[in-house]
Amino acid sequence: MEARVGDRITMAGEHVGQRPREGTIREVKGEAGGPPYLVEWNDGHTGLIHPGPGSVLRCEHVEADTAT
């Protein structure tokens, strides 16, 4: 997985009935965009994540506005 600062990330709930967590990547600590990632979650908390096998993640790269 390759992530960049500013990407939105969604991680599936860990338990049945738990809502997905959504947040913004604030820092990429791994090489070449790899984990771990410092994520600011929508609930205001910030945490370091290192997704393991079986994790369901979705990163959306936010493209810079190229209009002149």
N, C-alpha and C. Protein backbone atom coordinates (compact mmCIF):
# COMPACT_ATOMS: atom_id res chain seq x y z
N MET A 1 0.84 -1.17 0.00
CA MET A 1 0.00 0.00 0.00
C MET A 1 0.89 1.23 0.00
N GLU A 2 0.52 2.20 -0.79
CA GLU A 2 1.24 3.47 -0.84
C GLU A 2 0.29 4.59 -0.46
N ALA A 3 0.66 5.32 0.56
CA ALA A 3 -0.18 6.42 1.03
C ALA A 3 0.64 7.71 1.03
N ARG A 4 -0.07 8.82 1.00
CA ARG A 4 0.56 10.14 1.06
C ARG A 4 -0.15 10.99 2.11
N VAL A 5 0.56 11.96 2.65
CA VAL A 5 -0.03 12.88 3.61
C VAL A 5 -1.24 13.54 2.95
N GLY A 6 -2.35 13.58 3.68
CA GLY A 6 -3.58 14.16 3.17
C GLY A 6 -4.56 13.14 2.61
N ASP A 7 -4.09 11.90 2.38
CA ASP A 7 -4.99 10.86 1.89
C ASP A 7 -6.06 10.57 2.94
N ARG A 8 -7.25 10.27 2.48
CA ARG A 8 -8.34 9.80 3.34
C ARG A 8 -8.19 8.30 3.47
N ILE A 9 -8.46 7.78 4.64
CA ILE A 9 -8.33 6.35 4.87
C ILE A 9 -9.56 5.85 5.62
N THR A 10 -10.05 4.69 5.23
CA THR A 10 -11.18 4.04 5.90
C THR A 10 -10.73 2.65 6.32
N MET A 11 -10.94 2.33 7.58
CA MET A 11 -10.58 1.01 8.08
C MET A 11 -11.85 0.35 8.61
N ALA A 12 -12.10 -0.86 8.16
CA ALA A 12 -13.30 -1.59 8.56
C ALA A 12 -13.31 -1.79 10.07
N GLY A 13 -14.51 -1.88 10.63
CA GLY A 13 -14.66 -2.15 12.06
C GLY A 13 -14.05 -3.50 12.41
N GLU A 14 -13.53 -3.58 13.61
CA GLU A 14 -12.88 -4.82 14.05
C GLU A 14 -13.87 -5.85 14.56
N HIS A 15 -15.08 -5.41 14.92
CA HIS A 15 -16.08 -6.30 15.49
C HIS A 15 -17.39 -6.15 14.73
N VAL A 16 -18.21 -7.18 14.76
CA VAL A 16 -19.52 -7.14 14.12
C VAL A 16 -20.32 -5.98 14.70
N GLY A 17 -20.91 -5.18 13.84
CA GLY A 17 -21.73 -4.06 14.26
C GLY A 17 -20.95 -2.78 14.52
N GLN A 18 -19.62 -2.87 14.48
CA GLN A 18 -18.81 -1.67 14.69
C GLN A 18 -18.68 -0.92 13.37
N ARG A 19 -18.84 0.39 13.43
CA ARG A 19 -18.76 1.21 12.22
C ARG A 19 -17.31 1.32 11.74
N PRO A 20 -17.12 1.53 10.45
CA PRO A 20 -15.77 1.78 9.94
C PRO A 20 -15.21 3.07 10.52
N ARG A 21 -13.89 3.12 10.65
CA ARG A 21 -13.21 4.33 11.11
C ARG A 21 -12.70 5.08 9.89
N GLU A 22 -12.89 6.38 9.89
CA GLU A 22 -12.43 7.20 8.79
C GLU A 22 -11.53 8.30 9.33
N GLY A 23 -10.50 8.62 8.55
CA GLY A 23 -9.58 9.65 8.99
C GLY A 23 -8.70 10.15 7.85
N THR A 24 -7.74 10.97 8.22
CA THR A 24 -6.81 11.57 7.26
C THR A 24 -5.39 11.23 7.69
N ILE A 25 -4.59 10.79 6.74
CA ILE A 25 -3.20 10.48 7.03
C ILE A 25 -2.44 11.79 7.21
N ARG A 26 -1.81 11.95 8.38
CA ARG A 26 -1.06 13.16 8.70
C ARG A 26 0.44 12.97 8.56
N GLU A 27 0.89 11.71 8.63
CA GLU A 27 2.32 11.45 8.47
C GLU A 27 2.51 10.01 8.00
N VAL A 28 3.42 9.83 7.04
CA VAL A 28 3.79 8.50 6.54
C VAL A 28 5.18 8.22 7.09
N LYS A 29 5.31 7.19 7.91
CA LYS A 29 6.56 6.91 8.58
C LYS A 29 7.37 5.81 7.89
N GLY A 30 6.75 5.05 6.99
CA GLY A 30 7.44 3.97 6.30
C GLY A 30 8.10 4.45 5.02
N GLU A 31 8.87 3.57 4.42
CA GLU A 31 9.54 3.88 3.16
C GLU A 31 8.57 3.76 1.99
N ALA A 32 8.75 4.60 0.99
CA ALA A 32 7.98 4.56 -0.26
C ALA A 32 6.47 4.57 -0.01
N GLY A 33 6.02 5.35 0.97
CA GLY A 33 4.59 5.48 1.23
C GLY A 33 4.00 4.35 2.05
N GLY A 34 4.85 3.48 2.57
CA GLY A 34 4.36 2.34 3.35
C GLY A 34 4.09 2.69 4.80
N PRO A 35 3.42 1.77 5.51
CA PRO A 35 3.12 1.99 6.91
C PRO A 35 4.38 1.92 7.77
N PRO A 36 4.28 2.44 8.98
CA PRO A 36 3.08 2.89 9.69
C PRO A 36 2.67 4.31 9.29
N TYR A 37 1.38 4.60 9.59
CA TYR A 37 0.80 5.89 9.27
C TYR A 37 0.28 6.55 10.54
N LEU A 38 0.50 7.84 10.66
CA LEU A 38 -0.12 8.62 11.72
C LEU A 38 -1.43 9.15 11.15
N VAL A 39 -2.55 8.76 11.76
CA VAL A 39 -3.88 9.08 11.24
C VAL A 39 -4.64 9.93 12.24
N GLU A 40 -5.24 10.99 11.73
CA GLU A 40 -6.17 11.79 12.53
C GLU A 40 -7.58 11.31 12.17
N TRP A 41 -8.23 10.66 13.13
CA TRP A 41 -9.55 10.08 12.90
C TRP A 41 -10.62 11.16 12.99
N ASN A 42 -11.75 10.90 12.36
CA ASN A 42 -12.85 11.87 12.34
C ASN A 42 -13.37 12.22 13.73
N ASP A 43 -13.13 11.35 14.71
CA ASP A 43 -13.60 11.63 16.07
C ASP A 43 -12.63 12.54 16.84
N GLY A 44 -11.56 12.99 16.16
CA GLY A 44 -10.61 13.89 16.78
C GLY A 44 -9.37 13.23 17.36
N HIS A 45 -9.41 11.90 17.51
CA HIS A 45 -8.25 11.18 18.03
C HIS A 45 -7.20 11.01 16.95
N THR A 46 -5.96 10.90 17.37
CA THR A 46 -4.85 10.65 16.45
C THR A 46 -4.15 9.39 16.91
N GLY A 47 -3.78 8.53 15.96
CA GLY A 47 -3.10 7.30 16.33
C GLY A 47 -2.21 6.79 15.22
N LEU A 48 -1.24 6.00 15.62
CA LEU A 48 -0.31 5.37 14.69
C LEU A 48 -0.87 4.00 14.33
N ILE A 49 -1.03 3.73 13.04
CA ILE A 49 -1.53 2.41 12.62
C ILE A 49 -0.51 1.74 11.73
N HIS A 50 -0.47 0.43 11.84
CA HIS A 50 0.38 -0.41 10.99
C HIS A 50 -0.50 -1.58 10.57
N PRO A 51 -1.25 -1.40 9.47
CA PRO A 51 -2.22 -2.42 9.06
C PRO A 51 -1.55 -3.77 8.84
N GLY A 52 -2.19 -4.80 9.34
CA GLY A 52 -1.67 -6.15 9.17
C GLY A 52 -2.50 -6.94 8.18
N PRO A 53 -2.13 -8.21 7.98
CA PRO A 53 -2.89 -9.07 7.06
C PRO A 53 -4.36 -9.13 7.49
N GLY A 54 -5.24 -9.10 6.53
CA GLY A 54 -6.66 -9.16 6.82
C GLY A 54 -7.30 -7.81 7.08
N SER A 55 -6.50 -6.75 7.20
CA SER A 55 -7.06 -5.41 7.37
C SER A 55 -7.71 -4.96 6.07
N VAL A 56 -8.80 -4.25 6.20
CA VAL A 56 -9.48 -3.72 5.03
C VAL A 56 -9.30 -2.21 5.07
N LEU A 57 -8.52 -1.70 4.13
CA LEU A 57 -8.23 -0.27 4.09
C LEU A 57 -8.54 0.28 2.72
N ARG A 58 -8.90 1.55 2.69
CA ARG A 58 -9.11 2.23 1.41
C ARG A 58 -8.45 3.60 1.52
N CYS A 59 -7.46 3.83 0.69
CA CYS A 59 -6.81 5.14 0.66
C CYS A 59 -7.24 5.86 -0.61
N GLU A 60 -7.56 7.11 -0.46
CA GLU A 60 -7.92 7.94 -1.61
C GLU A 60 -6.92 9.07 -1.69
N HIS A 61 -6.13 9.07 -2.75
CA HIS A 61 -5.17 10.14 -2.93
C HIS A 61 -5.91 11.41 -3.33
N VAL A 62 -5.61 12.48 -2.67
CA VAL A 62 -6.20 13.77 -2.97
C VAL A 62 -5.28 14.43 -4.00
N GLU A 63 -5.78 14.61 -5.21
CA GLU A 63 -4.98 15.18 -6.28
C GLU A 63 -4.95 16.71 -6.16
N ALA A 64 -3.81 17.28 -6.39
CA ALA A 64 -3.68 18.74 -6.36
C ALA A 64 -4.43 19.36 -7.52
N ASP A 65 -4.98 20.53 -7.31
CA ASP A 65 -5.69 21.26 -8.35
C ASP A 65 -4.67 21.74 -9.37
N THR A 66 -4.82 21.32 -10.63
CA THR A 66 -3.84 21.68 -11.67
C THR A 66 -4.35 22.81 -12.56
N ALA A 67 -5.48 23.43 -12.20
CA ALA A 67 -6.00 24.53 -13.03
C ALA A 67 -5.10 25.75 -12.90
N THR A 68 -4.96 26.47 -13.99
CA THR A 68 -4.12 27.67 -13.97
C THR A 68 -4.95 28.92 -14.06
